[in-house]
PDB file of N, CA and C in Angstrom:
ATOM      1  N   MET A   1       1.034  -1.122   0.089  1.00  0.00           N
ATOM      2  CA  MET A   1       0.118  -0.022   0.051  1.00  0.00           C
ATOM      3  C   MET A   1       0.944   1.520  -0.254  1.00  0.00           C
ATOM      4  N   GLU A   2       0.362   2.489  -0.766  1.00  0.00           N
ATOM      5  CA  GLU A   2       1.299   3.325  -0.738  1.00  0.00           C
ATOM      6  C   GLU A   2       0.995   4.534  -0.034  1.00  0.00           C
ATOM      7  N   PHE A   3       1.729   5.088   0.601  1.00  0.00           N
ATOM      8  CA  PHE A   3       1.775   6.077   1.718  1.00  0.00           C
ATOM      9  C   PHE A   3       3.026   7.456   1.256  1.00  0.00           C
ATOM     10  N   PRO A   4       2.508   7.904   0.308  1.00  0.00           N
ATOM     11  CA  PRO A   4       3.369   9.408  -0.410  1.00  0.00           C
ATOM     12  C   PRO A   4       3.837  10.347   0.866  1.00  0.00           C
ATOM     13  N   ASN A   5       4.900  10.097   0.967  1.00  0.00           N
ATOM     14  CA  ASN A   5       5.962  11.222   2.189  1.00  0.00           C
ATOM     15  C   ASN A   5       5.356  12.699   1.717  1.00  0.00           C
ATOM     16  N   ASP A   6       5.150  13.029   0.802  1.00  0.00           N
ATOM     17  CA  ASP A   6       4.920  14.614   0.469  1.00  0.00           C
ATOM     18  C   ASP A   6       3.554  15.093   0.920  1.00  0.00           C
ATOM     19  N   LEU A   7       2.891  14.127   1.376  1.00  0.00           N
ATOM     20  CA  LEU A   7       1.266  14.329   1.679  1.00  0.00           C
ATOM     21  C   LEU A   7       1.416  14.359   3.217  1.00  0.00           C
ATOM     22  N   LYS A   8       0.157  15.139   3.865  1.00  0.00           N
ATOM     23  CA  LYS A   8      -0.459  14.881   5.213  1.00  0.00           C
ATOM     24  C   LYS A   8      -1.553  14.298   5.055  1.00  0.00           C
ATOM     25  N   TYR A   9      -1.643  13.538   6.209  1.00  0.00           N
ATOM     26  CA  TYR A   9      -2.687  12.740   6.174  1.00  0.00           C
ATOM     27  C   TYR A   9      -3.838  13.159   7.666  1.00  0.00           C
ATOM     28  N   SER A  10      -5.101  12.693   7.301  1.00  0.00           N
ATOM     29  CA  SER A  10      -5.935  12.765   8.742  1.00  0.00           C
ATOM     30  C   SER A  10      -6.488  11.605   9.333  1.00  0.00           C
ATOM     31  N   LYS A  11      -6.775  11.652  10.286  1.00  0.00           N
ATOM     32  CA  LYS A  11      -6.944  10.033  10.666  1.00  0.00           C
ATOM     33  C   LYS A  11      -8.547   9.490  10.351  1.00  0.00           C
ATOM     34  N   GLU A  12      -9.167  10.734   9.698  1.00  0.00           N
ATOM     35  CA  GLU A  12     -10.377  10.107   8.923  1.00  0.00           C
ATOM     36  C   GLU A  12     -10.094   9.713   7.395  1.00  0.00           C
ATOM     37  N   HIS A  13      -8.851   9.714   7.147  1.00  0.00           N
ATOM     38  CA  HIS A  13      -8.385   9.008   5.821  1.00  0.00           C
ATOM     39  C   HIS A  13      -8.724   9.770   4.606  1.00  0.00           C
ATOM     40  N   THR A  14      -8.259  11.149   4.776  1.00  0.00           N
ATOM     41  CA  THR A  14      -8.114  11.985   3.624  1.00  0.00           C
ATOM     42  C   THR A  14      -6.725  12.570   3.837  1.00  0.00           C
ATOM     43  N   TRP A  15      -5.988  12.653   2.497  1.00  0.00           N
ATOM     44  CA  TRP A  15      -4.811  13.432   2.162  1.00  0.00           C
ATOM     45  C   TRP A  15      -4.621  14.570   1.963  1.00  0.00           C
ATOM     46  N   ILE A  16      -3.649  15.454   1.925  1.00  0.00           N
ATOM     47  CA  ILE A  16      -3.778  16.867   1.402  1.00  0.00           C
ATOM     48  C   ILE A  16      -2.370  17.121   0.964  1.00  0.00           C
ATOM     49  N   SER A  17      -2.387  17.597  -0.289  1.00  0.00           N
ATOM     50  CA  SER A  17      -1.185  17.954  -0.891  1.00  0.00           C
ATOM     51  C   SER A  17      -1.050  19.483  -0.972  1.00  0.00           C
ATOM     52  N   VAL A  18      -0.059  20.015  -0.210  1.00  0.00           N
ATOM     53  CA  VAL A  18      -0.222  21.782  -0.405  1.00  0.00           C
ATOM     54  C   VAL A  18       0.897  22.580  -1.065  1.00  0.00           C
ATOM     55  N   GLN A  19       0.502  23.465  -1.761  1.00  0.00           N
ATOM     56  CA  GLN A  19       1.293  24.270  -2.762  1.00  0.00           C
ATOM     57  C   GLN A  19       0.861  25.507  -2.479  1.00  0.00           C
ATOM     58  N   GLY A  20       1.856  26.245  -1.820  1.00  0.00           N
ATOM     59  CA  GLY A  20       1.486  27.848  -1.462  1.00  0.00           C
ATOM     60  C   GLY A  20       0.253  27.665  -0.303  1.00  0.00           C
ATOM     61  N   ASN A  21      -0.891  28.383  -0.847  1.00  0.00           N
ATOM     62  CA  ASN A  21      -1.805  28.145   0.276  1.00  0.00           C
ATOM     63  C   ASN A  21      -2.961  27.376  -0.429  1.00  0.00           C
ATOM     64  N   THR A  22      -2.750  26.693  -1.352  1.00  0.00           N
ATOM     65  CA  THR A  22      -3.742  25.843  -2.026  1.00  0.00           C
ATOM     66  C   THR A  22      -3.675  24.374  -1.655  1.00  0.00           C
ATOM     67  N   GLY A  23      -4.642  23.719  -1.322  1.00  0.00           N
ATOM     68  CA  GLY A  23      -4.516  22.421  -0.713  1.00  0.00           C
ATOM     69  C   GLY A  23      -5.399  21.744  -1.732  1.00  0.00           C
ATOM     70  N   THR A  24      -4.763  20.325  -2.105  1.00  0.00           N
ATOM     71  CA  THR A  24      -5.485  19.022  -2.978  1.00  0.00           C
ATOM     72  C   THR A  24      -5.966  18.162  -1.940  1.00  0.00           C
ATOM     73  N   ILE A  25      -7.186  17.913  -1.903  1.00  0.00           N
ATOM     74  CA  ILE A  25      -7.459  16.837  -1.033  1.00  0.00           C
ATOM     75  C   ILE A  25      -8.099  15.524  -1.960  1.00  0.00           C
ATOM     76  N   GLY A  26      -8.016  14.612  -1.305  1.00  0.00           N
ATOM     77  CA  GLY A  26      -8.526  13.242  -1.727  1.00  0.00           C
ATOM     78  C   GLY A  26      -8.628  12.233  -0.581  1.00  0.00           C
ATOM     79  N   ILE A  27      -9.006  11.020  -0.733  1.00  0.00           N
ATOM     80  CA  ILE A  27      -8.695   9.903   0.088  1.00  0.00           C
ATOM     81  C   ILE A  27      -7.868   8.916   0.027  1.00  0.00           C
ATOM     82  N   THR A  28      -7.364   8.308   1.002  1.00  0.00           N
ATOM     83  CA  THR A  28      -6.101   7.580   0.919  1.00  0.00           C
ATOM     84  C   THR A  28      -6.414   6.440   0.366  1.00  0.00           C
ATOM     85  N   GLU A  29      -5.198   5.745  -0.140  1.00  0.00           N
ATOM     86  CA  GLU A  29      -5.265   4.312  -0.688  1.00  0.00           C
ATOM     87  C   GLU A  29      -5.970   2.953   0.092  1.00  0.00           C
ATOM     88  N   PHE A  30      -5.831   3.264   1.380  1.00  0.00           N
ATOM     89  CA  PHE A  30      -6.419   2.566   2.556  1.00  0.00           C
ATOM     90  C   PHE A  30      -7.830   2.844   2.543  1.00  0.00           C
ATOM     91  N   ALA A  31      -8.370   4.039   2.443  1.00  0.00           N
ATOM     92  CA  ALA A  31      -9.767   4.190   2.705  1.00  0.00           C
ATOM     93  C   ALA A  31     -10.348   3.817   1.368  1.00  0.00           C
ATOM     94  N   GLN A  32      -9.804   3.882   0.161  1.00  0.00           N
ATOM     95  CA  GLN A  32     -10.635   3.105  -1.152  1.00  0.00           C
ATOM     96  C   GLN A  32     -10.584   2.035  -1.093  1.00  0.00           C
ATOM     97  N   SER A  33      -9.470   1.171  -0.546  1.00  0.00           N
ATOM     98  CA  SER A  33      -9.660  -0.274  -0.523  1.00  0.00           C
ATOM     99  C   SER A  33     -10.589  -0.663   0.485  1.00  0.00           C
ATOM    100  N   GLU A  34     -10.587  -0.035   1.607  1.00  0.00           N
ATOM    101  CA  GLU A  34     -11.799  -0.485   2.809  1.00  0.00           C
ATOM    102  C   GLU A  34     -13.423  -0.346   2.269  1.00  0.00           C
ATOM    103  N   LEU A  35     -13.289   0.758   1.250  1.00  0.00           N
ATOM    104  CA  LEU A  35     -14.734   0.911   0.774  1.00  0.00           C
ATOM    105  C   LEU A  35     -15.114   0.038  -0.370  1.00  0.00           C
ATOM    106  N   GLY A  36     -13.900  -0.072  -1.169  1.00  0.00           N
ATOM    107  CA  GLY A  36     -14.611  -0.987  -2.266  1.00  0.00           C
ATOM    108  C   GLY A  36     -14.579   0.055  -3.637  1.00  0.00           C
ATOM    109  N   GLU A  37     -15.509  -0.766  -4.417  1.00  0.00           N
ATOM    110  CA  GLU A  37     -15.337   0.076  -5.962  1.00  0.00           C
ATOM    111  C   GLU A  37     -16.448   1.228  -5.528  1.00  0.00           C
ATOM    112  N   ILE A  38     -16.038   2.162  -5.864  1.00  0.00           N
ATOM    113  CA  ILE A  38     -16.416   3.542  -5.574  1.00  0.00           C
ATOM    114  C   ILE A  38     -17.477   3.947  -7.010  1.00  0.00           C
ATOM    115  N   VAL A  39     -18.655   4.070  -6.549  1.00  0.00           N
ATOM    116  CA  VAL A  39     -19.647   4.489  -7.821  1.00  0.00           C
ATOM    117  C   VAL A  39     -20.139   6.169  -7.839  1.00  0.00           C
ATOM    118  N   TYR A  40     -19.931   6.565  -6.841  1.00  0.00           N
ATOM    119  CA  TYR A  40     -20.461   7.927  -6.666  1.00  0.00           C
ATOM    120  C   TYR A  40     -19.597   8.934  -5.820  1.00  0.00           C
ATOM    121  N   ALA A  41     -19.141  10.210  -6.281  1.00  0.00           N
ATOM    122  CA  ALA A  41     -18.803  11.000  -5.346  1.00  0.00           C
ATOM    123  C   ALA A  41     -19.476  12.477  -5.023  1.00  0.00           C
ATOM    124  N   ASP A  42     -20.077  12.760  -4.070  1.00  0.00           N
ATOM    125  CA  ASP A  42     -20.859  14.114  -3.898  1.00  0.00           C
ATOM    126  C   ASP A  42     -19.973  15.014  -3.333  1.00  0.00           C
ATOM    127  N   LEU A  43     -19.508  15.917  -4.003  1.00  0.00           N
ATOM    128  CA  LEU A  43     -18.569  16.941  -3.586  1.00  0.00           C
ATOM    129  C   LEU A  43     -19.221  18.307  -3.537  1.00  0.00           C
ATOM    130  N   PRO A  44     -18.831  19.126  -2.753  1.00  0.00           N
ATOM    131  CA  PRO A  44     -19.352  20.690  -2.720  1.00  0.00           C
ATOM    132  C   PRO A  44     -18.875  21.343  -3.990  1.00  0.00           C
ATOM    133  N   ASN A  45     -20.164  22.665  -4.095  1.00  0.00           N
ATOM    134  CA  ASN A  45     -19.721  23.454  -4.946  1.00  0.00           C
ATOM    135  C   ASN A  45     -18.655  24.550  -4.692  1.00  0.00           C
ATOM    136  N   VAL A  46     -17.873  24.948  -5.885  1.00  0.00           N
ATOM    137  CA  VAL A  46     -16.974  26.055  -5.545  1.00  0.00           C
ATOM    138  C   VAL A  46     -17.747  27.057  -5.168  1.00  0.00           C
ATOM    139  N   GLY A  47     -16.684  27.749  -3.956  1.00  0.00           N
ATOM    140  CA  GLY A  47     -17.077  29.097  -3.045  1.00  0.00           C
ATOM    141  C   GLY A  47     -17.622  28.500  -1.594  1.00  0.00           C
ATOM    142  N   TYR A  48     -18.099  27.129  -1.476  1.00  0.00           N
ATOM    143  CA  TYR A  48     -18.301  26.772  -0.440  1.00  0.00           C
ATOM    144  C   TYR A  48     -16.959  26.855   0.683  1.00  0.00           C
ATOM    145  N   SER A  49     -17.176  27.086   2.078  1.00  0.00           N
ATOM    146  CA  SER A  49     -16.145  26.961   2.965  1.00  0.00           C
ATOM    147  C   SER A  49     -16.346  25.982   3.910  1.00  0.00           C
ATOM    148  N   PHE A  50     -15.285  25.425   4.753  1.00  0.00           N
ATOM    149  CA  PHE A  50     -15.503  24.417   5.795  1.00  0.00           C
ATOM    150  C   PHE A  50     -14.539  24.446   6.829  1.00  0.00           C
ATOM    151  N   GLN A  51     -14.619  24.210   7.963  1.00  0.00           N
ATOM    152  CA  GLN A  51     -13.973  23.996   8.971  1.00  0.00           C
ATOM    153  C   GLN A  51     -13.077  22.820   9.062  1.00  0.00           C
ATOM    154  N   GLN A  52     -11.696  22.863   9.924  1.00  0.00           N
ATOM    155  CA  GLN A  52     -11.124  21.670   9.657  1.00  0.00           C
ATOM    156  C   GLN A  52     -11.946  20.705  10.379  1.00  0.00           C
ATOM    157  N   ASP A  53     -12.021  19.122  10.199  1.00  0.00           N
ATOM    158  CA  ASP A  53     -12.699  18.043  10.591  1.00  0.00           C
ATOM    159  C   ASP A  53     -14.371  18.399   9.813  1.00  0.00           C
ATOM    160  N   GLU A  54     -14.755  19.239   9.435  1.00  0.00           N
ATOM    161  CA  GLU A  54     -16.226  19.205   9.026  1.00  0.00           C
ATOM    162  C   GLU A  54     -16.358  18.348   7.740  1.00  0.00           C
ATOM    163  N   VAL A  55     -17.582  17.656   7.635  1.00  0.00           N
ATOM    164  CA  VAL A  55     -18.025  16.950   6.705  1.00  0.00           C
ATOM    165  C   VAL A  55     -17.963  18.077   5.350  1.00  0.00           C
ATOM    166  N   PHE A  56     -17.444  17.546   4.392  1.00  0.00           N
ATOM    167  CA  PHE A  56     -17.525  18.479   2.856  1.00  0.00           C
ATOM    168  C   PHE A  56     -18.046  17.614   2.000  1.00  0.00           C
ATOM    169  N   GLY A  57     -18.364  16.139   2.089  1.00  0.00           N
ATOM    170  CA  GLY A  57     -19.065  15.483   1.045  1.00  0.00           C
ATOM    171  C   GLY A  57     -19.095  14.094   1.519  1.00  0.00           C
ATOM    172  N   SER A  58     -19.602  13.336   0.391  1.00  0.00           N
ATOM    173  CA  SER A  58     -19.177  11.655   0.453  1.00  0.00           C
ATOM    174  C   SER A  58     -18.999  10.799  -0.546  1.00  0.00           C
ATOM    175  N   VAL A  59     -18.511   9.791  -0.291  1.00  0.00           N
ATOM    176  CA  VAL A  59     -18.192   8.730  -1.544  1.00  0.00           C
ATOM    177  C   VAL A  59     -19.215   7.248  -1.400  1.00  0.00           C
ATOM    178  N   GLU A  60     -19.818   7.390  -2.166  1.00  0.00           N
ATOM    179  CA  GLU A  60     -20.941   6.287  -2.399  1.00  0.00           C
ATOM    180  C   GLU A  60     -19.988   4.577  -3.167  1.00  0.00           C
ATOM    181  N   ALA A  61     -20.145   3.717  -2.357  1.00  0.00           N
ATOM    182  CA  ALA A  61     -19.285   2.402  -2.792  1.00  0.00           C
ATOM    183  C   ALA A  61     -20.444   1.631  -3.111  1.00  0.00           C
ATOM    184  N   VAL A  62     -20.401   0.281  -3.232  1.00  0.00           N
ATOM    185  CA  VAL A  62     -21.420  -0.720  -3.994  1.00  0.00           C
ATOM    186  C   VAL A  62     -22.109  -0.783  -2.442  1.00  0.00           C
ATOM    187  N   LYS A  63     -21.527  -1.020  -1.482  1.00  0.00           N
ATOM    188  CA  LYS A  63     -22.277  -1.653  -0.628  1.00  0.00           C
ATOM    189  C   LYS A  63     -22.386  -0.718   0.815  1.00  0.00           C
ATOM    190  N   THR A  64     -21.954   0.779   0.630  1.00  0.00           N
ATOM    191  CA  THR A  64     -21.898   1.598   1.695  1.00  0.00           C
ATOM    192  C   THR A  64     -21.884   2.969   1.220  1.00  0.00           C
ATOM    193  N   VAL A  65     -22.002   3.931   2.039  1.00  0.00           N
ATOM    194  CA  VAL A  65     -21.734   5.564   2.054  1.00  0.00           C
ATOM    195  C   VAL A  65     -20.829   5.955   2.994  1.00  0.00           C
ATOM    196  N   SER A  66     -19.656   6.921   2.802  1.00  0.00           N
ATOM    197  CA  SER A  66     -18.607   7.322   3.848  1.00  0.00           C
ATOM    198  C   SER A  66     -18.661   8.781   3.364  1.00  0.00           C
ATOM    199  N   ASP A  67     -18.642   9.287   4.733  1.00  0.00           N
ATOM    200  CA  ASP A  67     -18.660  10.842   4.794  1.00  0.00           C
ATOM    201  C   ASP A  67     -17.204  11.352   4.593  1.00  0.00           C
ATOM    202  N   LEU A  68     -17.035  12.464   3.949  1.00  0.00           N
ATOM    203  CA  LEU A  68     -15.620  13.065   3.870  1.00  0.00           C
ATOM    204  C   LEU A  68     -15.203  14.239   4.702  1.00  0.00           C
ATOM    205  N   PHE A  69     -14.305  14.102   5.210  1.00  0.00           N
ATOM    206  CA  PHE A  69     -13.995  15.131   6.478  1.00  0.00           C
ATOM    207  C   PHE A  69     -12.891  16.018   5.755  1.00  0.00           C
ATOM    208  N   ILE A  70     -13.015  17.200   5.894  1.00  0.00           N
ATOM    209  CA  ILE A  70     -12.023  18.005   5.224  1.00  0.00           C
ATOM    210  C   ILE A  70     -10.622  18.266   6.302  1.00  0.00           C
ATOM    211  N   PRO A  71      -9.241  17.988   5.993  1.00  0.00           N
ATOM    212  CA  PRO A  71      -8.373  18.003   6.895  1.00  0.00           C
ATOM    213  C   PRO A  71      -8.052  19.551   7.353  1.00  0.00           C
ATOM    214  N   VAL A  72      -8.302  20.615   6.588  1.00  0.00           N
ATOM    215  CA  VAL A  72      -7.966  21.879   7.131  1.00  0.00           C
ATOM    216  C   VAL A  72      -8.896  22.677   6.697  1.00  0.00           C
ATOM    217  N   SER A  73      -9.203  23.688   7.437  1.00  0.00           N
ATOM    218  CA  SER A  73     -10.164  24.775   6.895  1.00  0.00           C
ATOM    219  C   SER A  73      -9.949  25.435   5.621  1.00  0.00           C
ATOM    220  N   GLY A  74     -10.840  25.551   4.989  1.00  0.00           N
ATOM    221  CA  GLY A  74     -10.788  26.611   3.581  1.00  0.00           C
ATOM    222  C   GLY A  74     -11.919  26.476   2.667  1.00  0.00           C
ATOM    223  N   LYS A  75     -11.622  27.288   1.534  1.00  0.00           N
ATOM    224  CA  LYS A  75     -12.817  27.379   0.741  1.00  0.00           C
ATOM    225  C   LYS A  75     -12.496  26.688  -0.560  1.00  0.00           C
ATOM    226  N   ILE A  76     -13.632  25.902  -0.869  1.00  0.00           N
ATOM    227  CA  ILE A  76     -13.507  25.144  -2.345  1.00  0.00           C
ATOM    228  C   ILE A  76     -13.381  26.328  -3.443  1.00  0.00           C
ATOM    229  N   ILE A  77     -12.208  25.887  -4.042  1.00  0.00           N
ATOM    230  CA  ILE A  77     -11.845  26.721  -5.708  1.00  0.00           C
ATOM    231  C   ILE A  77     -12.003  25.694  -6.733  1.00  0.00           C
ATOM    232  N   GLU A  78     -11.987  24.344  -6.390  1.00  0.00           N
ATOM    233  CA  GLU A  78     -11.980  23.694  -7.784  1.00  0.00           C
ATOM    234  C   GLU A  78     -12.306  22.297  -7.154  1.00  0.00           C
ATOM    235  N   THR A  79     -13.424  21.577  -7.855  1.00  0.00           N
ATOM    236  CA  THR A  79     -13.761  19.835  -7.634  1.00  0.00           C
ATOM    237  C   THR A  79     -13.428  19.243  -8.882  1.00  0.00           C
ATOM    238  N   ASN A  80     -12.909  18.163  -8.643  1.00  0.00           N
ATOM    239  CA  ASN A  80     -12.843  17.079  -9.865  1.00  0.00           C
ATOM    240  C   ASN A  80     -13.552  16.522 -10.813  1.00  0.00           C
ATOM    241  N   GLU A  81     -14.036  17.510 -11.879  1.00  0.00           N
ATOM    242  CA  GLU A  81     -15.147  17.326 -12.658  1.00  0.00           C
ATOM    243  C   GLU A  81     -14.986  15.692 -13.297  1.00  0.00           C
ATOM    244  N   LEU A  82     -13.760  15.173 -13.263  1.00  0.00           N
ATOM    245  CA  LEU A  82     -13.643  13.803 -13.923  1.00  0.00           C
ATOM    246  C   LEU A  82     -14.592  12.932 -13.008  1.00  0.00           C
ATOM    247  N   LEU A  83     -14.583  13.095 -12.126  1.00  0.00           N
ATOM    248  CA  LEU A  83     -15.103  12.074 -10.904  1.00  0.00           C
ATOM    249  C   LEU A  83     -16.774  11.777 -11.016  1.00  0.00           C
ATOM    250  N   LEU A  84     -17.472  12.797 -11.974  1.00  0.00           N
ATOM    251  CA  LEU A  84     -18.716  12.862 -12.071  1.00  0.00           C
ATOM    252  C   LEU A  84     -19.035  11.482 -13.232  1.00  0.00           C
ATOM    253  N   LYS A  85     -18.114  11.595 -14.200  1.00  0.00           N
ATOM    254  CA  LYS A  85     -18.219  10.503 -15.265  1.00  0.00           C
ATOM    255  C   LYS A  85     -17.496   9.125 -14.662  1.00  0.00           C
ATOM    256  N   ALA A  86     -16.573   9.350 -14.074  1.00  0.00           N
ATOM    257  CA  ALA A  86     -15.570   8.260 -13.611  1.00  0.00           C
ATOM    258  C   ALA A  86     -15.300   8.325 -12.417  1.00  0.00           C
ATOM    259  N   PRO A  87     -16.128   8.038 -11.280  1.00  0.00           N
ATOM    260  CA  PRO A  87     -15.829   7.807 -10.185  1.00  0.00           C
ATOM    261  C   PRO A  87     -14.622   6.857  -9.608  1.00  0.00           C
ATOM    262  N   THR A  88     -14.456   5.821 -10.298  1.00  0.00           N
ATOM    263  CA  THR A  88     -13.511   4.900  -9.846  1.00  0.00           C
ATOM    264  C   THR A  88     -11.994   5.237 -10.170  1.00  0.00           C
ATOM    265  N   LEU A  89     -11.871   6.139 -10.691  1.00  0.00           N
ATOM    266  CA  LEU A  89     -10.602   7.056 -10.440  1.00  0.00           C
ATOM    267  C   LEU A  89      -9.819   7.038  -9.391  1.00  0.00           C
ATOM    268  N   ILE A  90     -11.023   7.344  -8.157  1.00  0.00           N
ATOM    269  CA  ILE A  90     -10.478   7.409  -6.858  1.00  0.00           C
ATOM    270  C   ILE A  90     -10.189   5.875  -6.455  1.00  0.00           C
ATOM    271  N   ASN A  91     -10.684   4.810  -6.990  1.00  0.00           N
ATOM    272  CA  ASN A  91      -9.809   3.514  -6.582  1.00  0.00           C
ATOM    273  C   ASN A  91      -8.674   3.236  -7.396  1.00  0.00           C
ATOM    274  N   ASP A  92      -8.956   3.740  -8.592  1.00  0.00           N
ATOM    275  CA  ASP A  92      -7.446   3.694  -9.824  1.00  0.00           C
ATOM    276  C   ASP A  92      -6.304   4.180  -9.357  1.00  0.00           C
ATOM    277  N   ASN A  93      -6.593   5.447  -8.729  1.00  0.00           N
ATOM    278  CA  ASN A  93      -5.206   6.247  -8.394  1.00  0.00           C
ATOM    279  C   ASN A  93      -5.594   7.500  -7.366  1.00  0.00           C
ATOM    280  N   PRO A  94      -5.939   7.341  -6.411  1.00  0.00           N
ATOM    281  CA  PRO A  94      -6.357   8.232  -5.388  1.00  0.00           C
ATOM    282  C   PRO A  94      -5.626   9.213  -4.875  1.00  0.00           C
ATOM    283  N   TYR A  95      -4.011   9.276  -5.686  1.00  0.00           N
ATOM    284  CA  TYR A  95      -3.293  10.233  -5.055  1.00  0.00           C
ATOM    285  C   TYR A  95      -3.075  10.907  -6.273  1.00  0.00           C
ATOM    286  N   LYS A  96      -3.378  10.605  -7.455  1.00  0.00           N
ATOM    287  CA  LYS A  96      -3.306  11.481  -8.781  1.00  0.00           C
ATOM    288  C   LYS A  96      -4.363  11.816  -9.189  1.00  0.00           C
ATOM    289  N   ASP A  97      -5.021  11.114 -10.219  1.00  0.00           N
ATOM    290  CA  ASP A  97      -6.236  11.506 -11.014  1.00  0.00           C
ATOM    291  C   ASP A  97      -7.565  11.166  -9.878  1.00  0.00           C
ATOM    292  N   GLY A  98      -7.639  10.709  -8.958  1.00  0.00           N
ATOM    293  CA  GLY A  98      -8.816  10.520  -8.130  1.00  0.00           C
ATOM    294  C   GLY A  98      -8.890  11.721  -7.189  1.00  0.00           C
ATOM    295  N   TRP A  99      -7.893  12.628  -7.061  1.00  0.00           N
ATOM    296  CA  TRP A  99      -8.104  13.386  -5.917  1.00  0.00           C
ATOM    297  C   TRP A  99      -9.577  14.388  -6.286  1.00  0.00           C
ATOM    298  N   LEU A 100     -10.036  15.001  -4.993  1.00  0.00           N
ATOM    299  CA  LEU A 100     -11.348  15.181  -4.932  1.00  0.00           C
ATOM    300  C   LEU A 100     -11.521  16.534  -4.952  1.00  0.00           C
ATOM    301  N   ILE A 101     -11.078  17.632  -4.196  1.00  0.00           N
ATOM    302  CA  ILE A 101     -11.370  19.064  -4.116  1.00  0.00           C
ATOM    303  C   ILE A 101      -9.891  19.750  -4.267  1.00  0.00           C
ATOM    304  N   LYS A 102      -9.828  20.765  -4.415  1.00  0.00           N
ATOM    305  CA  LYS A 102      -8.849  21.605  -4.472  1.00  0.00           C
ATOM    306  C   LYS A 102      -9.560  23.113  -3.193  1.00  0.00           C
ATOM    307  N   ILE A 103      -8.565  23.526  -2.159  1.00  0.00           N
ATOM    308  CA  ILE A 103      -9.032  24.269  -1.550  1.00  0.00           C
ATOM    309  C   ILE A 103      -8.017  25.656  -1.160  1.00  0.00           C
ATOM    310  N   GLU A 104      -8.628  26.639  -1.127  1.00  0.00           N
ATOM    311  CA  GLU A 104      -8.003  27.910  -0.551  1.00  0.00           C
ATOM    312  C   GLU A 104      -7.731  27.747   0.825  1.00  0.00           C
ATOM    313  N   ILE A 105      -6.480  27.351   1.474  1.00  0.00           N
ATOM    314  CA  ILE A 105      -6.290  26.875   2.759  1.00  0.00           C
ATOM    315  C   ILE A 105      -6.498  28.289   3.701  1.00  0.00           C
ATOM    316  N   LYS A 106      -7.379  28.245   4.789  1.00  0.00           N
ATOM    317  CA  LYS A 106      -7.642  29.482   5.501  1.00  0.00           C
ATOM    318  C   LYS A 106      -6.605  29.859   6.667  1.00  0.00           C
ATOM    319  N   ASP A 107      -5.952  28.831   7.423  1.00  0.00           N
ATOM    320  CA  ASP A 107      -5.067  28.556   8.372  1.00  0.00           C
ATOM    321  C   ASP A 107      -3.978  27.409   7.927  1.00  0.00           C
ATOM    322  N   ILE A 108      -2.905  28.020   7.514  1.00  0.00           N
ATOM    323  CA  ILE A 108      -1.980  27.144   7.199  1.00  0.00           C
ATOM    324  C   ILE A 108      -1.214  26.285   8.659  1.00  0.00           C
ATOM    325  N   THR A 109      -1.653  26.863   9.623  1.00  0.00           N
ATOM    326  CA  THR A 109      -0.976  26.031  10.781  1.00  0.00           C
ATOM    327  C   THR A 109      -1.928  24.799  11.246  1.00  0.00           C
ATOM    328  N   GLU A 110      -2.990  25.078  10.641  1.00  0.00           N
ATOM    329  CA  GLU A 110      -3.901  23.463  10.989  1.00  0.00           C
ATOM    330  C   GLU A 110      -3.074  22.480  10.474  1.00  0.00           C
ATOM    331  N   LEU A 111      -2.280  22.620   9.512  1.00  0.00           N
ATOM    332  CA  LEU A 111      -1.525  21.374   9.032  1.00  0.00           C
ATOM    333  C   LEU A 111      -0.817  20.614  10.068  1.00  0.00           C
ATOM    334  N   GLU A 112      -0.444  21.600  11.366  1.00  0.00           N
ATOM    335  CA  GLU A 112       0.317  20.874  12.048  1.00  0.00           C
ATOM    336  C   GLU A 112      -0.455  19.724  13.029  1.00  0.00           C
ATOM    337  N   ASN A 113      -1.699  19.849  12.799  1.00  0.00           N
ATOM    338  CA  ASN A 113      -2.707  18.727  13.563  1.00  0.00           C
ATOM    339  C   ASN A 113      -2.783  17.470  12.696  1.00  0.00           C
ATOM    340  N   LEU A 114      -1.944  17.519  11.432  1.00  0.00           N
ATOM    341  CA  LEU A 114      -2.220  16.340  10.752  1.00  0.00           C
ATOM    342  C   LEU A 114      -1.082  15.222  10.702  1.00  0.00           C
ATOM    343  N   LEU A 115      -1.166  14.037  10.268  1.00  0.00           N
ATOM    344  CA  LEU A 115      -0.186  13.057  10.504  1.00  0.00           C
ATOM    345  C   LEU A 115       0.794  12.848   9.137  1.00  0.00           C
ATOM    346  N   THR A 116       1.900  12.567   9.617  1.00  0.00           N
ATOM    347  CA  THR A 116       2.832  12.366   8.302  1.00  0.00           C
ATOM    348  C   THR A 116       2.467  10.840   7.955  1.00  0.00           C
ATOM    349  N   SER A 117       3.355  10.808   6.941  1.00  0.00           N
ATOM    350  CA  SER A 117       3.150   9.428   6.176  1.00  0.00           C
ATOM    351  C   SER A 117       3.489   8.267   6.931  1.00  0.00           C
ATOM    352  N   ASN A 118       4.490   8.490   7.873  1.00  0.00           N
ATOM    353  CA  ASN A 118       4.670   7.216   8.669  1.00  0.00           C
ATOM    354  C   ASN A 118       3.979   7.048  10.228  1.00  0.00           C
ATOM    355  N   GLN A 119       3.267   8.155  10.227  1.00  0.00           N
ATOM    356  CA  GLN A 119       2.447   8.039  11.460  1.00  0.00           C
ATOM    357  C   GLN A 119       0.743   7.333  10.905  1.00  0.00           C
ATOM    358  N   TYR A 120       0.716   8.132   9.587  1.00  0.00           N
ATOM    359  CA  TYR A 120      -0.918   7.344   9.103  1.00  0.00           C
ATOM    360  C   TYR A 120      -0.459   6.084   8.673  1.00  0.00           C
ATOM    361  N   LYS A 121       0.683   5.492   8.372  1.00  0.00           N
ATOM    362  CA  LYS A 121       0.893   4.200   7.967  1.00  0.00           C
ATOM    363  C   LYS A 121       0.511   3.006   9.398  1.00  0.00           C
ATOM    364  N   GLU A 122       1.208   3.845  10.633  1.00  0.00           N
ATOM    365  CA  GLU A 122       0.904   3.344  11.518  1.00  0.00           C
ATOM    366  C   GLU A 122      -0.295   3.009  12.118  1.00  0.00           C
ATOM    367  N   LEU A 123      -1.150   4.130  11.769  1.00  0.00           N
ATOM    368  CA  LEU A 123      -2.555   4.167  12.449  1.00  0.00           C
ATOM    369  C   LEU A 123      -2.929   3.015  11.351  1.00  0.00           C
ATOM    370  N   THR A 124      -2.992   2.838  10.203  1.00  0.00           N
ATOM    371  CA  THR A 124      -3.731   1.702   9.636  1.00  0.00           C
ATOM    372  C   THR A 124      -3.237   0.165   9.535  1.00  0.00           C
ATOM    373  N   ASN A 125      -2.182   0.053  10.369  1.00  0.00           N
ATOM    374  CA  ASN A 125      -1.418  -1.250  10.440  1.00  0.00           C
ATOM    375  C   ASN A 125      -2.323  -2.080  11.647  1.00  0.00           C
TER     376      ASN A 125
END
């Protein structure tokens, strides 16, 4: 299982990649493997704002629906439109093509509350 070192992770199985004050967010490989084949992603509209650890959407798998928790506070600036037609991209490549949203990060210091790759790996073992 992959745990990229350049990402930060939440205990709720989301990851964030940060460039400046922009964060790209998705679910981890562990999360998608636990859920099984993802058939639908319910994502927020651009312009909505969320506080750290707030539910920002959900993913639906064949047998379950799982809430998505935002790892840091921010405003949605983009959603992955490809997931509307091909939600299985989350299963195929959760760290690249299967990303969910991009946000403008409100408070960069909230990243300190997240896990490193090694800490997240320990959590999932």
